[in-house]
PDB file of all heavy atoms in Angstrom:
ATOM      1  N   SER A   1      87.392  98.461 117.146  1.00  0.00           N
ATOM      2  CA  SER A   1      87.862  97.448 118.097  1.00  0.00           C
ATOM      3  C   SER A   1      87.498  96.038 117.652  1.00  0.00           C
ATOM      4  O   SER A   1      88.319  95.128 117.696  1.00  0.00           O
ATOM      5  CB  SER A   1      87.280  97.687 119.488  1.00  0.00           C
ATOM      6  OG  SER A   1      87.804  98.842 120.044  1.00  0.00           O
ATOM      7  N   GLU A   2      86.244  95.854 117.244  1.00  0.00           N
ATOM      8  CA  GLU A   2      85.772  94.525 116.861  1.00  0.00           C
ATOM      9  C   GLU A   2      86.340  94.075 115.520  1.00  0.00           C
ATOM     10  O   GLU A   2      86.746  92.923 115.372  1.00  0.00           O
ATOM     11  CB  GLU A   2      84.241  94.510 116.828  1.00  0.00           C
ATOM     12  CG  GLU A   2      83.636  94.645 118.217  1.00  0.00           C
ATOM     13  CD  GLU A   2      82.156  94.961 118.201  1.00  0.00           C
ATOM     14  OE1 GLU A   2      81.505  94.805 117.139  1.00  0.00           O
ATOM     15  OE2 GLU A   2      81.648  95.366 119.265  1.00  0.00           O
ATOM     16  N   THR A   3      86.380  94.957 114.550  1.00  0.00           N
ATOM     17  CA  THR A   3      86.868  94.597 113.218  1.00  0.00           C
ATOM     18  C   THR A   3      88.342  94.221 113.234  1.00  0.00           C
ATOM     19  O   THR A   3      88.751  93.255 112.600  1.00  0.00           O
ATOM     20  CB  THR A   3      86.636  95.759 112.221  1.00  0.00           C
ATOM     21  OG1 THR A   3      85.242  96.059 112.175  1.00  0.00           O
ATOM     22  CG2 THR A   3      87.128  95.398 110.828  1.00  0.00           C
ATOM     23  N   TYR A   4      89.143  94.994 113.961  1.00  0.00           N
ATOM     24  CA  TYR A   4      90.596  94.804 113.923  1.00  0.00           C
ATOM     25  C   TYR A   4      91.162  94.148 115.182  1.00  0.00           C
ATOM     26  O   TYR A   4      92.370  93.999 115.302  1.00  0.00           O
ATOM     27  CB  TYR A   4      91.285  96.147 113.652  1.00  0.00           C
ATOM     28  CG  TYR A   4      90.823  96.706 112.333  1.00  0.00           C
ATOM     29  CD1 TYR A   4      89.913  97.756 112.282  1.00  0.00           C
ATOM     30  CD2 TYR A   4      91.247  96.149 111.136  1.00  0.00           C
ATOM     31  CE1 TYR A   4      89.448  98.241 111.076  1.00  0.00           C
ATOM     32  CE2 TYR A   4      90.794  96.626 109.922  1.00  0.00           C
ATOM     33  CZ  TYR A   4      89.884  97.677 109.894  1.00  0.00           C
ATOM     34  OH  TYR A   4      89.423  98.148 108.692  1.00  0.00           O
ATOM     35  N   LYS A   5      90.255  93.763 116.102  1.00  0.00           N
ATOM     36  CA  LYS A   5      90.680  93.084 117.336  1.00  0.00           C
ATOM     37  C   LYS A   5      91.796  93.862 118.039  1.00  0.00           C
ATOM     38  O   LYS A   5      92.851  93.333 118.359  1.00  0.00           O
ATOM     39  CB  LYS A   5      91.151  91.653 117.044  1.00  0.00           C
ATOM     40  CG  LYS A   5      90.183  90.815 116.250  1.00  0.00           C
ATOM     41  CD  LYS A   5      88.916  90.531 117.025  1.00  0.00           C
ATOM     42  CE  LYS A   5      87.988  89.620 116.234  1.00  0.00           C
ATOM     43  NZ  LYS A   5      86.707  90.185 115.939  1.00  0.00           N
ATOM     44  N   CYS A   6      91.542  95.155 118.230  1.00  0.00           N
ATOM     45  CA  CYS A   6      92.520  95.999 118.906  1.00  0.00           C
ATOM     46  C   CYS A   6      91.829  96.835 119.970  1.00  0.00           C
ATOM     47  O   CYS A   6      90.616  97.008 119.944  1.00  0.00           O
ATOM     48  CB  CYS A   6      93.268  96.883 117.910  1.00  0.00           C
ATOM     49  SG  CYS A   6      92.222  97.999 116.956  1.00  0.00           S
ATOM     50  N   LYS A   7      92.620  97.337 120.891  1.00  0.00           N
ATOM     51  CA  LYS A   7      92.098  98.145 121.990  1.00  0.00           C
ATOM     52  C   LYS A   7      92.580  99.579 121.816  1.00  0.00           C
ATOM     53  O   LYS A   7      93.667  99.821 121.309  1.00  0.00           O
ATOM     54  CB  LYS A   7      92.601  97.565 123.316  1.00  0.00           C
ATOM     55  CG  LYS A   7      91.967  98.202 124.528  1.00  0.00           C
ATOM     56  CD  LYS A   7      92.119  97.293 125.740  1.00  0.00           C
ATOM     57  CE  LYS A   7      91.677  97.937 127.016  1.00  0.00           C
ATOM     58  NZ  LYS A   7      90.432  98.633 127.003  1.00  0.00           N
ATOM     59  N   GLU A   8      91.763 100.496 122.264  1.00  0.00           N
ATOM     60  CA  GLU A   8      92.118 101.914 122.172  1.00  0.00           C
ATOM     61  C   GLU A   8      93.251 102.255 123.138  1.00  0.00           C
ATOM     62  O   GLU A   8      93.428 101.601 124.163  1.00  0.00           O
ATOM     63  CB  GLU A   8      90.903 102.798 122.469  1.00  0.00           C
ATOM     64  CG  GLU A   8      90.523 102.888 123.929  1.00  0.00           C
ATOM     65  CD  GLU A   8      89.714 101.704 124.452  1.00  0.00           C
ATOM     66  OE1 GLU A   8      89.232 100.878 123.658  1.00  0.00           O
ATOM     67  OE2 GLU A   8      89.555 101.618 125.678  1.00  0.00           O
ATOM     68  N   LYS A   9      93.989 103.290 122.791  1.00  0.00           N
ATOM     69  CA  LYS A   9      94.997 103.836 123.685  1.00  0.00           C
ATOM     70  C   LYS A   9      94.729 105.341 123.784  1.00  0.00           C
ATOM     71  O   LYS A   9      94.740 106.047 122.780  1.00  0.00           O
ATOM     72  CB  LYS A   9      96.406 103.575 123.141  1.00  0.00           C
ATOM     73  CG  LYS A   9      97.480 104.025 124.097  1.00  0.00           C
ATOM     74  CD  LYS A   9      98.852 103.587 123.656  1.00  0.00           C
ATOM     75  CE  LYS A   9      99.856 104.009 124.725  1.00  0.00           C
ATOM     76  NZ  LYS A   9     101.212 103.731 124.323  1.00  0.00           N
ATOM     77  N   ILE A  10      94.462 105.781 124.990  1.00  0.00           N
ATOM     78  CA  ILE A  10      94.165 107.202 125.210  1.00  0.00           C
ATOM     79  C   ILE A  10      95.471 107.898 125.550  1.00  0.00           C
ATOM     80  O   ILE A  10      96.185 107.492 126.469  1.00  0.00           O
ATOM     81  CB  ILE A  10      93.115 107.361 126.331  1.00  0.00           C
ATOM     82  CG1 ILE A  10      91.818 106.650 125.919  1.00  0.00           C
ATOM     83  CG2 ILE A  10      92.862 108.835 126.628  1.00  0.00           C
ATOM     84  CD1 ILE A  10      90.787 106.531 127.015  1.00  0.00           C
ATOM     85  N   GLU A  11      95.792 108.943 124.777  1.00  0.00           N
ATOM     86  CA  GLU A  11      97.062 109.653 124.942  1.00  0.00           C
ATOM     87  C   GLU A  11      96.823 111.157 124.927  1.00  0.00           C
ATOM     88  O   GLU A  11      95.887 111.636 124.297  1.00  0.00           O
ATOM     89  CB  GLU A  11      98.016 109.319 123.794  1.00  0.00           C
ATOM     90  CG  GLU A  11      98.417 107.868 123.708  1.00  0.00           C
ATOM     91  CD  GLU A  11      99.350 107.588 122.541  1.00  0.00           C
ATOM     92  OE1 GLU A  11      99.453 108.419 121.620  1.00  0.00           O
ATOM     93  OE2 GLU A  11      99.980 106.521 122.548  1.00  0.00           O
ATOM     94  N   TYR A  12      97.740 111.868 125.587  1.00  0.00           N
ATOM     95  CA  TYR A  12      97.687 113.332 125.538  1.00  0.00           C
ATOM     96  C   TYR A  12      98.664 113.798 124.474  1.00  0.00           C
ATOM     97  O   TYR A  12      99.799 113.332 124.407  1.00  0.00           O
ATOM     98  CB  TYR A  12      98.062 113.958 126.884  1.00  0.00           C
ATOM     99  CG  TYR A  12      97.777 115.441 126.896  1.00  0.00           C
ATOM    100  CD1 TYR A  12      96.518 115.919 127.251  1.00  0.00           C
ATOM    101  CD2 TYR A  12      98.743 116.361 126.521  1.00  0.00           C
ATOM    102  CE1 TYR A  12      96.239 117.272 127.238  1.00  0.00           C
ATOM    103  CE2 TYR A  12      98.462 117.726 126.506  1.00  0.00           C
ATOM    104  CZ  TYR A  12      97.213 118.164 126.860  1.00  0.00           C
ATOM    105  OH  TYR A  12      96.928 119.510 126.838  1.00  0.00           O
ATOM    106  N   SER A  13      98.221 114.712 123.644  1.00  0.00           N
ATOM    107  CA  SER A  13      99.069 115.233 122.585  1.00  0.00           C
ATOM    108  C   SER A  13      99.232 116.742 122.747  1.00  0.00           C
ATOM    109  O   SER A  13      98.262 117.454 122.998  1.00  0.00           O
ATOM    110  CB  SER A  13      98.442 114.946 121.218  1.00  0.00           C
ATOM    111  OG  SER A  13      99.183 115.582 120.210  1.00  0.00           O
ATOM    112  N   SER A  14     100.448 117.192 122.579  1.00  0.00           N
ATOM    113  CA  SER A  14     100.726 118.626 122.599  1.00  0.00           C
ATOM    114  C   SER A  14     100.883 119.181 121.188  1.00  0.00           C
ATOM    115  O   SER A  14     101.278 120.325 121.021  1.00  0.00           O
ATOM    116  CB  SER A  14     102.015 118.897 123.385  1.00  0.00           C
ATOM    117  OG  SER A  14     101.858 118.472 124.717  1.00  0.00           O
ATOM    118  N   CYS A  15     100.587 118.355 120.183  1.00  0.00           N
ATOM    119  CA  CYS A  15     100.796 118.791 118.795  1.00  0.00           C
ATOM    120  C   CYS A  15      99.921 120.009 118.489  1.00  0.00           C
ATOM    121  O   CYS A  15      98.856 120.199 119.063  1.00  0.00           O
ATOM    122  CB  CYS A  15     100.524 117.664 117.811  1.00  0.00           C
ATOM    123  SG  CYS A  15      98.792 117.380 117.457  1.00  0.00           S
ATOM    124  N   SER A  16     100.402 120.804 117.594  1.00  0.00           N
ATOM    125  CA  SER A  16      99.713 122.062 117.289  1.00  0.00           C
ATOM    126  C   SER A  16      98.429 121.847 116.496  1.00  0.00           C
ATOM    127  O   SER A  16      97.548 122.695 116.504  1.00  0.00           O
ATOM    128  CB  SER A  16     100.644 122.997 116.521  1.00  0.00           C
ATOM    129  OG  SER A  16     101.079 122.366 115.329  1.00  0.00           O
ATOM    130  N   MET A  17      98.290 120.703 115.809  1.00  0.00           N
ATOM    131  CA  MET A  17      97.079 120.464 115.014  1.00  0.00           C
ATOM    132  C   MET A  17      95.845 120.326 115.895  1.00  0.00           C
ATOM    133  O   MET A  17      94.834 120.955 115.662  1.00  0.00           O
ATOM    134  CB  MET A  17      97.237 119.207 114.149  1.00  0.00           C
ATOM    135  CG  MET A  17      98.090 119.428 112.925  1.00  0.00           C
ATOM    136  SD  MET A  17      98.318 117.926 111.958  1.00  0.00           S
ATOM    137  CE  MET A  17      96.709 117.668 111.271  1.00  0.00           C
ATOM    138  N   LYS A  18      95.912 119.456 116.888  1.00  0.00           N
ATOM    139  CA  LYS A  18      94.788 119.190 117.786  1.00  0.00           C
ATOM    140  C   LYS A  18      95.324 118.804 119.153  1.00  0.00           C
ATOM    141  O   LYS A  18      95.386 117.637 119.500  1.00  0.00           O
ATOM    142  CB  LYS A  18      93.927 118.044 117.247  1.00  0.00           C
ATOM    143  CG  LYS A  18      93.058 118.376 116.076  1.00  0.00           C
ATOM    144  CD  LYS A  18      91.739 118.884 116.553  1.00  0.00           C
ATOM    145  CE  LYS A  18      90.781 118.989 115.380  1.00  0.00           C
ATOM    146  NZ  LYS A  18      89.564 119.638 115.740  1.00  0.00           N
ATOM    147  N   PRO A  19      95.727 119.776 119.975  1.00  0.00           N
ATOM    148  CA  PRO A  19      96.232 119.430 121.310  1.00  0.00           C
ATOM    149  C   PRO A  19      95.116 118.893 122.203  1.00  0.00           C
ATOM    150  O   PRO A  19      93.945 119.188 121.995  1.00  0.00           O
ATOM    151  CB  PRO A  19      96.776 120.759 121.828  1.00  0.00           C
ATOM    152  CG  PRO A  19      96.055 121.809 121.054  1.00  0.00           C
ATOM    153  CD  PRO A  19      95.727 121.204 119.722  1.00  0.00           C
ATOM    154  N   GLY A  20      95.504 118.081 123.184  1.00  0.00           N
ATOM    155  CA  GLY A  20      94.548 117.525 124.135  1.00  0.00           C
ATOM    156  C   GLY A  20      94.538 116.011 124.075  1.00  0.00           C
ATOM    157  O   GLY A  20      95.377 115.390 123.427  1.00  0.00           O
ATOM    158  N   TRP A  21      93.575 115.416 124.760  1.00  0.00           N
ATOM    159  CA  TRP A  21      93.464 113.965 124.805  1.00  0.00           C
ATOM    160  C   TRP A  21      92.927 113.447 123.476  1.00  0.00           C
ATOM    161  O   TRP A  21      92.049 114.059 122.861  1.00  0.00           O
ATOM    162  CB  TRP A  21      92.541 113.536 125.945  1.00  0.00           C
ATOM    163  CG  TRP A  21      93.165 113.783 127.274  1.00  0.00           C
ATOM    164  CD1 TRP A  21      92.908 114.819 128.140  1.00  0.00           C
ATOM    165  CD2 TRP A  21      94.204 113.021 127.883  1.00  0.00           C
ATOM    166  NE1 TRP A  21      93.719 114.738 129.237  1.00  0.00           N
ATOM    167  CE2 TRP A  21      94.529 113.642 129.110  1.00  0.00           C
ATOM    168  CE3 TRP A  21      94.902 111.871 127.513  1.00  0.00           C
ATOM    169  CZ2 TRP A  21      95.509 113.145 129.966  1.00  0.00           C
ATOM    170  CZ3 TRP A  21      95.877 111.378 128.370  1.00  0.00           C
ATOM    171  CH2 TRP A  21      96.170 112.007 129.576  1.00  0.00           C
ATOM    172  N   ASN A  22      93.485 112.326 123.020  1.00  0.00           N
ATOM    173  CA  ASN A  22      93.003 111.685 121.811  1.00  0.00           C
ATOM    174  C   ASN A  22      93.008 110.176 122.015  1.00  0.00           C
ATOM    175  O   ASN A  22      93.513 109.677 123.012  1.00  0.00           O
ATOM    176  CB  ASN A  22      93.829 112.101 120.595  1.00  0.00           C
ATOM    177  CG  ASN A  22      95.283 111.692 120.696  1.00  0.00           C
ATOM    178  OD1 ASN A  22      95.598 110.531 120.928  1.00  0.00           O
ATOM    179  ND2 ASN A  22      96.181 112.649 120.515  1.00  0.00           N
ATOM    180  N   ILE A  23      92.430 109.472 121.074  1.00  0.00           N
ATOM    181  CA  ILE A  23      92.326 108.018 121.145  1.00  0.00           C
ATOM    182  C   ILE A  23      92.977 107.438 119.906  1.00  0.00           C
ATOM    183  O   ILE A  23      92.638 107.814 118.783  1.00  0.00           O
ATOM    184  CB  ILE A  23      90.847 107.557 121.213  1.00  0.00           C
ATOM    185  CG1 ILE A  23      90.133 108.202 122.410  1.00  0.00           C
ATOM    186  CG2 ILE A  23      90.748 106.045 121.296  1.00  0.00           C
ATOM    187  CD1 ILE A  23      89.295 109.362 122.041  1.00  0.00           C
ATOM    188  N   LYS A  24      93.918 106.515 120.117  1.00  0.00           N
ATOM    189  CA  LYS A  24      94.584 105.860 118.998  1.00  0.00           C
ATOM    190  C   LYS A  24      94.174 104.397 118.951  1.00  0.00           C
ATOM    191  O   LYS A  24      94.034 103.745 119.980  1.00  0.00           O
ATOM    192  CB  LYS A  24      96.108 105.928 119.154  1.00  0.00           C
ATOM    193  CG  LYS A  24      96.709 107.252 118.811  1.00  0.00           C
ATOM    194  CD  LYS A  24      98.232 107.134 118.772  1.00  0.00           C
ATOM    195  CE  LYS A  24      98.883 108.357 118.200  1.00  0.00           C
ATOM    196  NZ  LYS A  24      98.860 109.531 118.958  1.00  0.00           N
ATOM    197  N   TYR A  25      94.018 103.913 117.731  1.00  0.00           N
ATOM    198  CA  TYR A  25      93.813 102.490 117.497  1.00  0.00           C
ATOM    199  C   TYR A  25      94.976 102.002 116.658  1.00  0.00           C
ATOM    200  O   TYR A  25      95.248 102.556 115.588  1.00  0.00           O
ATOM    201  CB  TYR A  25      92.484 102.228 116.771  1.00  0.00           C
ATOM    202  CG  TYR A  25      91.312 102.337 117.696  1.00  0.00           C
ATOM    203  CD1 TYR A  25      90.612 103.534 117.830  1.00  0.00           C
ATOM    204  CD2 TYR A  25      90.907 101.250 118.456  1.00  0.00           C
ATOM    205  CE1 TYR A  25      89.539 103.634 118.700  1.00  0.00           C
ATOM    206  CE2 TYR A  25      89.836 101.345 119.328  1.00  0.00           C
ATOM    207  CZ  TYR A  25      89.160 102.539 119.436  1.00  0.00           C
ATOM    208  OH  TYR A  25      88.109 102.632 120.310  1.00  0.00           O
ATOM    209  N   LYS A  26      95.677 100.981 117.182  1.00  0.00           N
ATOM    210  CA  LYS A  26      96.848 100.427 116.495  1.00  0.00           C
ATOM    211  C   LYS A  26      96.653  98.938 116.297  1.00  0.00           C
ATOM    212  O   LYS A  26      96.050  98.269 117.121  1.00  0.00           O
ATOM    213  CB  LYS A  26      98.121 100.646 117.307  1.00  0.00           C
ATOM    214  CG  LYS A  26      98.521 102.097 117.447  1.00  0.00           C
ATOM    215  CD  LYS A  26      99.813 102.230 118.224  1.00  0.00           C
ATOM    216  CE  LYS A  26     100.214 103.692 118.327  1.00  0.00           C
ATOM    217  NZ  LYS A  26     101.519 103.854 118.958  1.00  0.00           N
ATOM    218  N   LYS A  27      97.218  98.446 115.205  1.00  0.00           N
ATOM    219  CA  LYS A  27      97.213  97.017 114.926  1.00  0.00           C
ATOM    220  C   LYS A  27      98.547  96.669 114.297  1.00  0.00           C
ATOM    221  O   LYS A  27      98.982  97.330 113.345  1.00  0.00           O
ATOM    222  CB  LYS A  27      96.056  96.673 113.973  1.00  0.00           C
ATOM    223  CG  LYS A  27      95.908  95.214 113.678  1.00  0.00           C
ATOM    224  CD  LYS A  27      95.408  94.467 114.891  1.00  0.00           C
ATOM    225  CE  LYS A  27      95.193  92.991 114.568  1.00  0.00           C
ATOM    226  NZ  LYS A  27      94.740  92.234 115.692  1.00  0.00           N
ATOM    227  N   ALA A  28      99.207  95.679 114.840  1.00  0.00           N
ATOM    228  CA  ALA A  28     100.502  95.207 114.322  1.00  0.00           C
ATOM    229  C   ALA A  28     101.511  96.352 114.243  1.00  0.00           C
ATOM    230  O   ALA A  28     102.261  96.477 113.283  1.00  0.00           O
ATOM    231  CB  ALA A  28     100.323  94.532 112.973  1.00  0.00           C
ATOM    232  N   GLY A  29     101.496  97.229 115.253  1.00  0.00           N
ATOM    233  CA  GLY A  29     102.465  98.316 115.325  1.00  0.00           C
ATOM    234  C   GLY A  29     102.141  99.528 114.459  1.00  0.00           C
ATOM    235  O   GLY A  29     102.860 100.520 114.495  1.00  0.00           O
ATOM    236  N   ARG A  30     101.078  99.472 113.693  1.00  0.00           N
ATOM    237  CA  ARG A  30     100.676 100.600 112.831  1.00  0.00           C
ATOM    238  C   ARG A  30      99.459 101.297 113.417  1.00  0.00           C
ATOM    239  O   ARG A  30      98.518 100.646 113.855  1.00  0.00           O
ATOM    240  CB  ARG A  30     100.298 100.114 111.433  1.00  0.00           C
ATOM    241  CG  ARG A  30     101.439  99.509 110.674  1.00  0.00           C
ATOM    242  CD  ARG A  30     101.052  99.234 109.254  1.00  0.00           C
ATOM    243  NE  ARG A  30     101.093 100.500 108.529  1.00  0.00           N
ATOM    244  CZ  ARG A  30     100.622 100.674 107.325  1.00  0.00           C
ATOM    245  NH1 ARG A  30     100.052  99.687 106.693  1.00  0.00           N
ATOM    246  NH2 ARG A  30     100.707 101.849 106.719  1.00  0.00           N
ATOM    247  N   THR A  31      99.479 102.613 113.384  1.00  0.00           N
ATOM    248  CA  THR A  31      98.304 103.358 113.816  1.00  0.00           C
ATOM    249  C   THR A  31      97.268 103.304 112.703  1.00  0.00           C
ATOM    250  O   THR A  31      97.536 103.727 111.581  1.00  0.00           O
ATOM    251  CB  THR A  31      98.663 104.817 114.151  1.00  0.00           C
ATOM    252  OG1 THR A  31      99.632 104.821 115.213  1.00  0.00           O
ATOM    253  CG2 THR A  31      97.443 105.600 114.588  1.00  0.00           C
TER     254      THR A  31
END
């Protein structure tokens, strides 16, 4: 958060790799 001046986004994923809640950090539209 501090290095890239971005905020987390908590999302639910149904993907088969790791289903459940996860946290994404994005900057300038890129994860």
